[in-house]
Amino acid sequence: MSFVLEKAPSAPTASGDRRFQSVTVNLPGRLMCADFSEFDCVAAEMSPGDVVFQCTARPKTNERIVAYLDHIGRIEGRVVEADGRGFSITLNATQRKREKLAAQLTWLANKHELALPEDRRHERYTPRSARSEILLEDGRRYACRVIDLSLSGAAIEIDVRPALGTPLTLGTMRGRVVRHFQEGVAMEFVRVQPPEALRNYLG
C-alpha cells in the first residue's frame, strides 16, 4: 500500500471531502489544545492531510491542536468536526511534510509485510565509542551518535530523519528505520548481530 499525494488544499476540508487516502492506525500520543491543556490521545485514522483522534478533549471547531504521536512525531492542525468519541483535524503541513507523512503511513500500513519487529528483544548497551556514520542506499552519508544499541537494533542521534522503513547501514550493520524520536531515529537490524559486531562501539 502506498499514498499518492495531490496538492495540499488551500483551506481546511471537511472529512467528507478528503484529498488524501486514509489508513486505520492505532498511534498513542499526547496533544495540546489552544488553551494549553494537555490530554492523552490515540490517532485512530490518519492520512497526509488529516487525523481522527480518540480523546477526552472536546476542542471547538477551527481550534488549533498540536500533537506528538508515536512513530510520527509532532503534527498540528485545526479541528474540522467532533463527535462523542473524539474529533478530526485537518493538518497544517508543507508539501514536504505531507510527503514524509505519506512515507511513514505507508510503512505503518505495510509493517507486517515488511517484517519489522518493534519490540526490544535484546538488552540495550550504551556505547563507549558513540560517534559513527550511517549510509543510505543512494550513497548519502551522515555523521551520527549512537545512543544505545543491542544485537537487534540501535537508537541513533542524527539531524536528518529518513522515512520509516528506509534501509540504512550503521557501520557494517544493515537495517531499516522503525521509529522517529526527538533526537533522531531507531533502526532495526535486518538480522540479529553476533556479539563481536558490537565490539567497535562497546570497547
Protein backbone atom coordinates (compact mmCIF):
# COMPACT_ATOMS: atom_id res chain seq x y z
CA MET A 1 0.00 0.00 0.00
CA SER A 2 1.28 3.48 -0.82
CA PHE A 3 -0.07 7.00 -0.77
CA VAL A 4 -0.44 9.27 -3.78
CA LEU A 5 -0.40 12.94 -2.82
CA GLU A 6 -2.34 15.67 -4.52
CA LYS A 7 -1.60 19.34 -3.98
CA ALA A 8 -2.36 20.43 -0.45
CA PRO A 9 -5.72 22.21 -0.13
CA SER A 10 -5.56 25.95 0.50
CA ALA A 11 -8.14 25.71 3.29
CA PRO A 12 -9.33 23.01 5.70
CA THR A 13 -11.61 20.45 4.11
CA ALA A 14 -14.39 18.53 5.80
CA SER A 15 -13.84 14.83 6.35
CA GLY A 16 -16.33 14.07 3.59
CA ASP A 17 -14.16 15.89 1.03
CA ARG A 18 -10.74 14.47 1.82
CA ARG A 19 -7.98 14.90 -0.75
CA PHE A 20 -5.82 12.14 0.75
CA GLN A 21 -6.13 8.41 1.27
CA SER A 22 -6.57 7.48 4.94
CA VAL A 23 -5.35 4.43 6.80
CA THR A 24 -6.59 2.93 10.06
CA VAL A 25 -3.91 3.29 12.74
CA ASN A 26 -3.58 2.97 16.49
CA LEU A 27 -0.98 5.55 17.43
CA PRO A 28 -0.90 6.71 21.07
CA GLY A 29 0.32 10.17 21.86
CA ARG A 30 -0.37 13.40 23.68
CA LEU A 31 -1.98 16.57 22.40
CA MET A 32 -2.31 20.19 23.46
CA CYS A 33 -5.36 22.36 22.87
CA ALA A 34 -5.39 26.11 22.26
CA ASP A 35 -5.75 26.83 26.00
CA PHE A 36 -2.56 24.77 26.63
CA SER A 37 -4.46 21.94 28.33
CA GLU A 38 -2.91 18.53 27.57
CA PHE A 39 -4.57 15.16 27.02
CA ASP A 40 -3.56 11.60 26.20
CA CYS A 41 -4.88 10.64 22.80
CA VAL A 42 -4.93 7.95 20.14
CA ALA A 43 -4.82 8.64 16.41
CA ALA A 44 -7.35 6.15 15.04
CA GLU A 45 -7.32 7.15 11.38
CA MET A 46 -4.76 9.22 9.52
CA SER A 47 -3.74 10.48 6.11
CA PRO A 48 -1.15 13.04 5.00
CA GLY A 49 -3.94 15.62 5.21
CA ASP A 50 -5.99 14.84 8.31
CA VAL A 51 -6.23 12.84 11.53
CA VAL A 52 -9.11 11.35 13.52
CA PHE A 53 -8.40 11.38 17.27
CA GLN A 54 -9.99 9.40 20.06
CA CYS A 55 -9.58 11.63 23.10
CA THR A 56 -11.40 13.04 26.11
CA ALA A 57 -10.60 16.58 24.93
CA ARG A 58 -13.51 18.49 23.39
CA PRO A 59 -11.97 21.33 21.37
CA LYS A 60 -14.01 23.77 19.33
CA THR A 61 -14.27 23.83 15.55
CA ASN A 62 -11.23 25.55 14.00
CA GLU A 63 -9.28 25.29 17.28
CA ARG A 64 -5.54 24.73 16.82
CA ILE A 65 -4.25 21.35 18.03
CA VAL A 66 -0.63 20.28 18.47
CA ALA A 67 0.03 16.56 18.98
CA TYR A 68 3.00 14.25 19.42
CA LEU A 69 2.34 10.72 18.16
CA ASP A 70 4.38 7.53 18.43
CA HIS A 71 6.20 6.77 15.15
CA ILE A 72 5.07 10.07 13.62
CA GLY A 73 6.32 12.87 15.86
CA ARG A 74 4.91 16.38 16.01
CA ILE A 75 1.87 17.37 13.96
CA GLU A 76 -0.51 20.31 14.11
CA GLY A 77 -3.78 21.32 12.58
CA ARG A 78 -7.26 22.69 13.16
CA VAL A 79 -10.43 20.91 14.26
CA VAL A 80 -12.98 20.34 11.49
CA GLU A 81 -15.55 18.18 13.28
CA ALA A 82 -16.17 16.36 16.57
CA ASP A 83 -18.47 13.66 17.96
CA GLY A 84 -18.94 11.88 21.26
CA ARG A 85 -15.74 9.82 20.94
CA GLY A 86 -13.29 12.36 19.61
CA PHE A 87 -12.63 14.77 16.79
CA SER A 88 -10.80 15.19 13.49
CA ILE A 89 -8.31 17.81 12.38
CA THR A 90 -7.02 19.00 9.04
CA LEU A 91 -3.24 19.09 9.16
CA ASN A 92 -1.25 22.26 8.65
CA ALA A 93 1.81 20.99 6.80
CA THR A 94 4.07 21.80 3.89
CA GLN A 95 4.11 19.54 0.85
CA ARG A 96 7.44 18.15 2.04
CA LYS A 97 5.94 17.31 5.44
CA ARG A 98 2.96 15.62 3.75
CA GLU A 99 5.31 13.53 1.64
CA LYS A 100 7.15 12.47 4.79
CA LEU A 101 3.84 11.56 6.46
CA ALA A 102 2.84 9.57 3.38
CA ALA A 103 6.07 7.54 3.66
CA GLN A 104 5.54 6.99 7.39
CA LEU A 105 1.93 5.88 6.91
CA THR A 106 2.89 3.60 4.05
CA TRP A 107 5.38 1.90 6.34
CA LEU A 108 2.83 1.57 9.14
CA ALA A 109 0.23 0.13 6.76
CA ASN A 110 2.70 -2.46 5.49
CA LYS A 111 4.81 -3.16 8.57
CA HIS A 112 3.62 -6.76 8.86
CA GLU A 113 4.65 -7.46 5.28
CA LEU A 114 7.98 -5.74 5.90
CA ALA A 115 8.51 -7.96 8.98
CA LEU A 116 9.97 -5.16 11.08
CA PRO A 117 9.62 -6.13 14.76
CA GLU A 118 9.24 -3.24 17.17
CA ASP A 119 9.83 -5.00 20.46
CA ARG A 120 13.15 -4.75 22.24
CA ARG A 121 14.15 -8.38 22.31
CA HIS A 122 17.74 -7.89 23.42
CA GLU A 123 19.46 -5.96 26.17
CA ARG A 124 20.48 -2.44 25.23
CA TYR A 125 24.00 -1.12 25.82
CA THR A 126 25.41 2.41 25.96
CA PRO A 127 28.47 2.54 23.72
CA ARG A 128 31.82 3.92 24.82
CA SER A 129 32.60 4.94 21.25
CA ALA A 130 29.41 6.76 20.25
CA ARG A 131 30.47 8.65 17.11
CA SER A 132 29.61 6.84 13.92
CA GLU A 133 28.09 7.24 10.46
CA ILE A 134 25.03 5.95 8.64
CA LEU A 135 24.94 5.14 4.94
CA LEU A 136 21.76 5.30 2.86
CA GLU A 137 21.14 3.19 -0.23
CA ASP A 138 21.64 6.19 -2.53
CA GLY A 139 25.15 6.73 -1.18
CA ARG A 140 24.44 9.64 1.16
CA ARG A 141 26.37 9.53 4.43
CA TYR A 142 25.56 11.29 7.69
CA ALA A 143 27.55 11.62 10.88
CA CYS A 144 25.62 10.37 13.91
CA ARG A 145 25.95 9.45 17.56
CA VAL A 146 24.89 6.01 18.78
CA ILE A 147 22.74 6.48 21.89
CA ASP A 148 22.36 2.78 22.61
CA LEU A 149 22.37 -0.48 20.72
CA SER A 150 21.63 -4.17 21.04
CA LEU A 151 22.03 -7.29 18.94
CA SER A 152 18.81 -6.39 17.09
CA GLY A 153 18.85 -2.60 16.73
CA ALA A 154 20.15 0.83 17.71
CA ALA A 155 18.97 4.30 18.68
CA ILE A 156 20.84 7.00 16.76
CA GLU A 157 21.09 10.74 17.35
CA ILE A 158 21.13 12.43 13.96
CA ASP A 159 19.96 15.66 12.36
CA VAL A 160 18.15 14.05 9.40
CA ARG A 161 15.01 11.91 9.64
CA PRO A 162 14.89 9.20 6.94
CA ALA A 163 11.33 7.96 6.42
CA LEU A 164 10.13 4.93 8.34
CA GLY A 165 11.17 1.76 6.51
CA THR A 166 14.20 3.41 4.88
CA PRO A 167 17.12 0.96 4.52
CA LEU A 168 20.38 2.17 6.06
CA THR A 169 23.71 0.83 7.30
CA LEU A 170 25.37 1.64 10.61
CA GLY A 171 29.00 0.60 10.36
CA THR A 172 28.65 -2.88 8.84
CA MET A 173 25.17 -3.49 10.27
CA ARG A 174 22.30 -3.16 7.80
CA GLY A 175 18.76 -2.35 8.91
CA ARG A 176 15.70 -0.14 8.48
CA VAL A 177 14.31 2.91 10.27
CA VAL A 178 11.48 1.78 12.58
CA ARG A 179 10.86 4.83 14.78
CA HIS A 180 11.44 8.57 14.99
CA PHE A 181 12.03 10.39 18.25
CA GLN A 182 13.12 13.89 19.25
CA GLU A 183 16.87 13.29 18.97
CA GLY A 184 16.93 11.01 15.94
CA VAL A 185 15.83 7.56 14.75
CA ALA A 186 15.69 3.95 15.88
CA MET A 187 16.79 1.24 13.48
CA GLU A 188 16.10 -2.48 13.49
CA PHE A 189 18.86 -4.65 12.03
CA VAL A 190 17.87 -6.99 9.21
CA ARG A 191 19.22 -9.87 11.28
CA VAL A 192 20.37 -10.41 14.85
CA GLN A 193 24.01 -9.41 15.07
CA PRO A 194 26.77 -11.57 16.54
CA PRO A 195 28.25 -10.11 19.75
CA GLU A 196 31.55 -9.31 18.05
CA ALA A 197 29.73 -6.89 15.71
CA LEU A 198 29.14 -4.57 18.68
CA ARG A 199 32.72 -4.55 19.91
CA ASN A 200 33.71 -1.45 17.93
CA TYR A 201 31.10 0.51 19.90
CA LEU A 202 31.31 -1.11 23.34
CA GLY A 203 35.13 -1.09 23.57
